[in-house]
PDB file of N, CA and C in Angstrom:
ATOM      1  N   MET A   1       0.821  -1.188   0.000  1.00  0.00           N
ATOM      2  CA  MET A   1       0.000   0.000   0.000  1.00  0.00           C
ATOM      3  C   MET A   1       0.868   1.257   0.000  1.00  0.00           C
ATOM      4  N   GLU A   2       1.970   1.215   0.719  1.00  0.00           N
ATOM      5  CA  GLU A   2       2.856   2.378   0.814  1.00  0.00           C
ATOM      6  C   GLU A   2       3.502   2.678  -0.543  1.00  0.00           C
ATOM      7  N   LYS A   3       3.771   1.628  -1.306  1.00  0.00           N
ATOM      8  CA  LYS A   3       4.391   1.793  -2.627  1.00  0.00           C
ATOM      9  C   LYS A   3       3.449   2.546  -3.573  1.00  0.00           C
ATOM     10  N   ILE A   4       2.154   2.275  -3.456  1.00  0.00           N
ATOM     11  CA  ILE A   4       1.161   2.947  -4.303  1.00  0.00           C
ATOM     12  C   ILE A   4       1.126   4.440  -3.989  1.00  0.00           C
ATOM     13  N   TYR A   5       1.145   4.800  -2.702  1.00  0.00           N
ATOM     14  CA  TYR A   5       1.110   6.205  -2.315  1.00  0.00           C
ATOM     15  C   TYR A   5       2.377   6.928  -2.776  1.00  0.00           C
ATOM     16  N   LYS A   6       3.520   6.254  -2.709  1.00  0.00           N
ATOM     17  CA  LYS A   6       4.779   6.853  -3.156  1.00  0.00           C
ATOM     18  C   LYS A   6       4.737   7.101  -4.665  1.00  0.00           C
ATOM     19  N   THR A   7       4.185   6.148  -5.403  1.00  0.00           N
ATOM     20  CA  THR A   7       4.056   6.302  -6.855  1.00  0.00           C
ATOM     21  C   THR A   7       3.111   7.441  -7.186  1.00  0.00           C
ATOM     22  N   MET A   8       1.991   7.533  -6.463  1.00  0.00           N
ATOM     23  CA  MET A   8       1.034   8.616  -6.698  1.00  0.00           C
ATOM     24  C   MET A   8       1.661   9.972  -6.378  1.00  0.00           C
ATOM     25  N   LYS A   9       2.448  10.027  -5.321  1.00  0.00           N
ATOM     26  CA  LYS A   9       3.116  11.277  -4.934  1.00  0.00           C
ATOM     27  C   LYS A   9       4.100  11.708  -6.017  1.00  0.00           C
ATOM     28  N   ASN A  10       4.891  10.767  -6.513  1.00  0.00           N
ATOM     29  CA  ASN A  10       5.864  11.083  -7.558  1.00  0.00           C
ATOM     30  C   ASN A  10       5.169  11.527  -8.840  1.00  0.00           C
ATOM     31  N   THR A  11       4.082  10.867  -9.187  1.00  0.00           N
ATOM     32  CA  THR A  11       3.332  11.233 -10.386  1.00  0.00           C
ATOM     33  C   THR A  11       2.724  12.627 -10.246  1.00  0.00           C
ATOM     34  N   GLY A  12       2.157  12.933  -9.101  1.00  0.00           N
ATOM     35  CA  GLY A  12       1.587  14.252  -8.852  1.00  0.00           C
ATOM     36  C   GLY A  12       2.634  15.348  -8.916  1.00  0.00           C
ATOM     37  N   THR A  13       3.785  15.087  -8.325  1.00  0.00           N
ATOM     38  CA  THR A  13       4.881  16.058  -8.352  1.00  0.00           C
ATOM     39  C   THR A  13       5.346  16.300  -9.775  1.00  0.00           C
ATOM     40  N   MET A  14       5.485  15.248 -10.538  1.00  0.00           N
ATOM     41  CA  MET A  14       5.929  15.375 -11.922  1.00  0.00           C
ATOM     42  C   MET A  14       4.896  16.139 -12.756  1.00  0.00           C
ATOM     43  N   ASN A  15       3.619  15.908 -12.520  1.00  0.00           N
ATOM     44  CA  ASN A  15       2.569  16.634 -13.248  1.00  0.00           C
ATOM     45  C   ASN A  15       2.606  18.129 -12.936  1.00  0.00           C
ATOM     46  N   ILE A  16       2.852  18.484 -11.687  1.00  0.00           N
ATOM     47  CA  ILE A  16       2.948  19.898 -11.318  1.00  0.00           C
ATOM     48  C   ILE A  16       4.149  20.543 -11.996  1.00  0.00           C
ATOM     49  N   VAL A  17       5.291  19.878 -11.964  1.00  0.00           N
ATOM     50  CA  VAL A  17       6.504  20.400 -12.602  1.00  0.00           C
ATOM     51  C   VAL A  17       6.287  20.556 -14.104  1.00  0.00           C
ATOM     52  N   LEU A  18       5.699  19.560 -14.715  1.00  0.00           N
ATOM     53  CA  LEU A  18       5.430  19.610 -16.158  1.00  0.00           C
ATOM     54  C   LEU A  18       4.457  20.739 -16.493  1.00  0.00           C
ATOM     55  N   GLY A  19       3.452  20.945 -15.666  1.00  0.00           N
ATOM     56  CA  GLY A  19       2.508  22.031 -15.874  1.00  0.00           C
ATOM     57  C   GLY A  19       3.174  23.392 -15.804  1.00  0.00           C
ATOM     58  N   ILE A  20       4.084  23.565 -14.858  1.00  0.00           N
ATOM     59  CA  ILE A  20       4.810  24.827 -14.733  1.00  0.00           C
ATOM     60  C   ILE A  20       5.687  25.062 -15.953  1.00  0.00           C
ATOM     61  N   ILE A  21       6.371  24.020 -16.412  1.00  0.00           N
ATOM     62  CA  ILE A  21       7.239  24.151 -17.589  1.00  0.00           C
ATOM     63  C   ILE A  21       6.427  24.508 -18.823  1.00  0.00           C
ATOM     64  N   ILE A  22       5.294  23.857 -19.011  1.00  0.00           N
ATOM     65  CA  ILE A  22       4.439  24.140 -20.177  1.00  0.00           C
ATOM     66  C   ILE A  22       3.889  25.566 -20.109  1.00  0.00           C
ATOM     67  N   THR A  23       3.522  26.021 -18.914  1.00  0.00           N
ATOM     68  CA  THR A  23       3.015  27.387 -18.755  1.00  0.00           C
ATOM     69  C   THR A  23       4.081  28.416 -19.102  1.00  0.00           C
ATOM     70  N   VAL A  24       5.293  28.210 -18.619  1.00  0.00           N
ATOM     71  CA  VAL A  24       6.394  29.133 -18.903  1.00  0.00           C
ATOM     72  C   VAL A  24       6.718  29.130 -20.394  1.00  0.00           C
ATOM     73  N   ALA A  25       6.742  27.955 -21.008  1.00  0.00           N
ATOM     74  CA  ALA A  25       7.029  27.868 -22.448  1.00  0.00           C
ATOM     75  C   ALA A  25       5.936  28.576 -23.255  1.00  0.00           C
ATOM     76  N   GLY A  26       4.685  28.387 -22.887  1.00  0.00           N
ATOM     77  CA  GLY A  26       3.584  29.044 -23.589  1.00  0.00           C
ATOM     78  C   GLY A  26       3.648  30.554 -23.455  1.00  0.00           C
ATOM     79  N   LEU A  27       3.976  31.029 -22.267  1.00  0.00           N
ATOM     80  CA  LEU A  27       4.097  32.466 -22.043  1.00  0.00           C
ATOM     81  C   LEU A  27       5.244  33.040 -22.869  1.00  0.00           C
ATOM     82  N   THR A  28       6.355  32.327 -22.925  1.00  0.00           N
ATOM     83  CA  THR A  28       7.510  32.783 -23.698  1.00  0.00           C
ATOM     84  C   THR A  28       7.183  32.860 -25.182  1.00  0.00           C
ATOM     85  N   VAL A  29       6.540  31.836 -25.713  1.00  0.00           N
ATOM     86  CA  VAL A  29       6.173  31.836 -27.133  1.00  0.00           C
ATOM     87  C   VAL A  29       5.173  32.956 -27.425  1.00  0.00           C
ATOM     88  N   GLY A  30       4.248  33.196 -26.534  1.00  0.00           N
ATOM     89  CA  GLY A  30       3.281  34.274 -26.716  1.00  0.00           C
ATOM     90  C   GLY A  30       3.947  35.641 -26.759  1.00  0.00           C
ATOM     91  N   ILE A  31       4.873  35.878 -25.861  1.00  0.00           N
ATOM     92  CA  ILE A  31       5.596  37.156 -25.841  1.00  0.00           C
ATOM     93  C   ILE A  31       6.422  37.326 -27.108  1.00  0.00           C
ATOM     94  N   MET A  32       7.086  36.260 -27.531  1.00  0.00           N
ATOM     95  CA  MET A  32       7.886  36.335 -28.762  1.00  0.00           C
ATOM     96  C   MET A  32       7.004  36.634 -29.973  1.00  0.00           C
ATOM     97  N   SER A  33       5.818  36.053 -30.023  1.00  0.00           N
ATOM     98  CA  SER A  33       4.897  36.308 -31.131  1.00  0.00           C
ATOM     99  C   SER A  33       4.437  37.763 -31.150  1.00  0.00           C
ATOM    100  N   ILE A  34       4.145  38.309 -29.995  1.00  0.00           N
ATOM    101  CA  ILE A  34       3.722  39.708 -29.914  1.00  0.00           C
ATOM    102  C   ILE A  34       4.853  40.633 -30.359  1.00  0.00           C
ATOM    103  N   VAL A  35       6.071  40.353 -29.923  1.00  0.00           N
ATOM    104  CA  VAL A  35       7.219  41.188 -30.300  1.00  0.00           C
ATOM    105  C   VAL A  35       7.459  41.111 -31.805  1.00  0.00           C
ATOM    106  N   ASN A  36       7.419  39.903 -32.371  1.00  0.00           N
ATOM    107  CA  ASN A  36       7.634  39.762 -33.813  1.00  0.00           C
ATOM    108  C   ASN A  36       6.527  40.448 -34.612  1.00  0.00           C
ATOM    109  N   GLY A  37       5.305  40.389 -34.140  1.00  0.00           N
ATOM    110  CA  GLY A  37       4.203  41.079 -34.803  1.00  0.00           C
ATOM    111  C   GLY A  37       4.383  42.587 -34.765  1.00  0.00           C
ATOM    112  N   ALA A  38       4.870  43.096 -33.640  1.00  0.00           N
ATOM    113  CA  ALA A  38       5.112  44.535 -33.519  1.00  0.00           C
ATOM    114  C   ALA A  38       6.223  44.982 -34.469  1.00  0.00           C
ATOM    115  N   VAL A  39       7.249  44.153 -34.613  1.00  0.00           N
ATOM    116  CA  VAL A  39       8.344  44.482 -35.541  1.00  0.00           C
ATOM    117  C   VAL A  39       7.822  44.507 -36.974  1.00  0.00           C
ATOM    118  N   LEU A  40       6.985  43.543 -37.331  1.00  0.00           N
ATOM    119  CA  LEU A  40       6.408  43.523 -38.680  1.00  0.00           C
ATOM    120  C   LEU A  40       5.546  44.757 -38.935  1.00  0.00           C
ATOM    121  N   LEU A  41       4.729  45.147 -37.965  1.00  0.00           N
ATOM    122  CA  LEU A  41       3.901  46.335 -38.118  1.00  0.00           C
ATOM    123  C   LEU A  41       4.754  47.599 -38.233  1.00  0.00           C
ATOM    124  N   LYS A  42       5.844  47.644 -37.489  1.00  0.00           N
ATOM    125  CA  LYS A  42       6.722  48.802 -37.528  1.00  0.00           C
ATOM    126  C   LYS A  42       7.389  48.940 -38.897  1.00  0.00           C
ATOM    127  N   LYS A  43       7.742  47.820 -39.514  1.00  0.00           N
ATOM    128  CA  LYS A  43       8.448  47.835 -40.798  1.00  0.00           C
ATOM    129  C   LYS A  43       7.514  47.567 -41.980  1.00  0.00           C
ATOM    130  N   LYS A  44       6.228  47.791 -41.787  1.00  0.00           N
ATOM    131  CA  LYS A  44       5.228  47.511 -42.808  1.00  0.00           C
ATOM    132  C   LYS A  44       5.491  48.292 -44.096  1.00  0.00           C
ATOM    133  N   SER A  45       5.946  49.510 -43.964  1.00  0.00           N
ATOM    134  CA  SER A  45       6.169  50.346 -45.160  1.00  0.00           C
ATOM    135  C   SER A  45       7.375  49.872 -45.976  1.00  0.00           C
ATOM    136  N   GLN A  46       8.277  49.122 -45.384  1.00  0.00           N
ATOM    137  CA  GLN A  46       9.468  48.648 -46.088  1.00  0.00           C
ATOM    138  C   GLN A  46       9.242  47.327 -46.805  1.00  0.00           C
ATOM    139  N   ILE A  47       8.130  46.663 -46.538  1.00  0.00           N
ATOM    140  CA  ILE A  47       7.842  45.370 -47.146  1.00  0.00           C
ATOM    141  C   ILE A  47       7.192  45.595 -48.515  1.00  0.00           C
ATOM    142  N   ILE A  48       7.816  45.029 -49.540  1.00  0.00           N
ATOM    143  CA  ILE A  48       7.312  45.184 -50.911  1.00  0.00           C
ATOM    144  C   ILE A  48       7.012  43.790 -51.462  1.00  0.00           C
ATOM    145  N   PHE A  49       5.842  43.634 -52.072  1.00  0.00           N
ATOM    146  CA  PHE A  49       5.477  42.348 -52.673  1.00  0.00           C
ATOM    147  C   PHE A  49       5.560  42.447 -54.172  1.00  0.00           C
TER     148      PHE A  49
END
């Protein structure tokens, strides 16, 4: 019975860590997208098709 609780504890801890990593990665990608969009808007007049 103790082995099951230890496994559940480790799984829960890993899920929390993974959730934090995914949240930070998502926030970073979102910020990078906003910055790149702002750069494109700033240089809109220089883009020729």
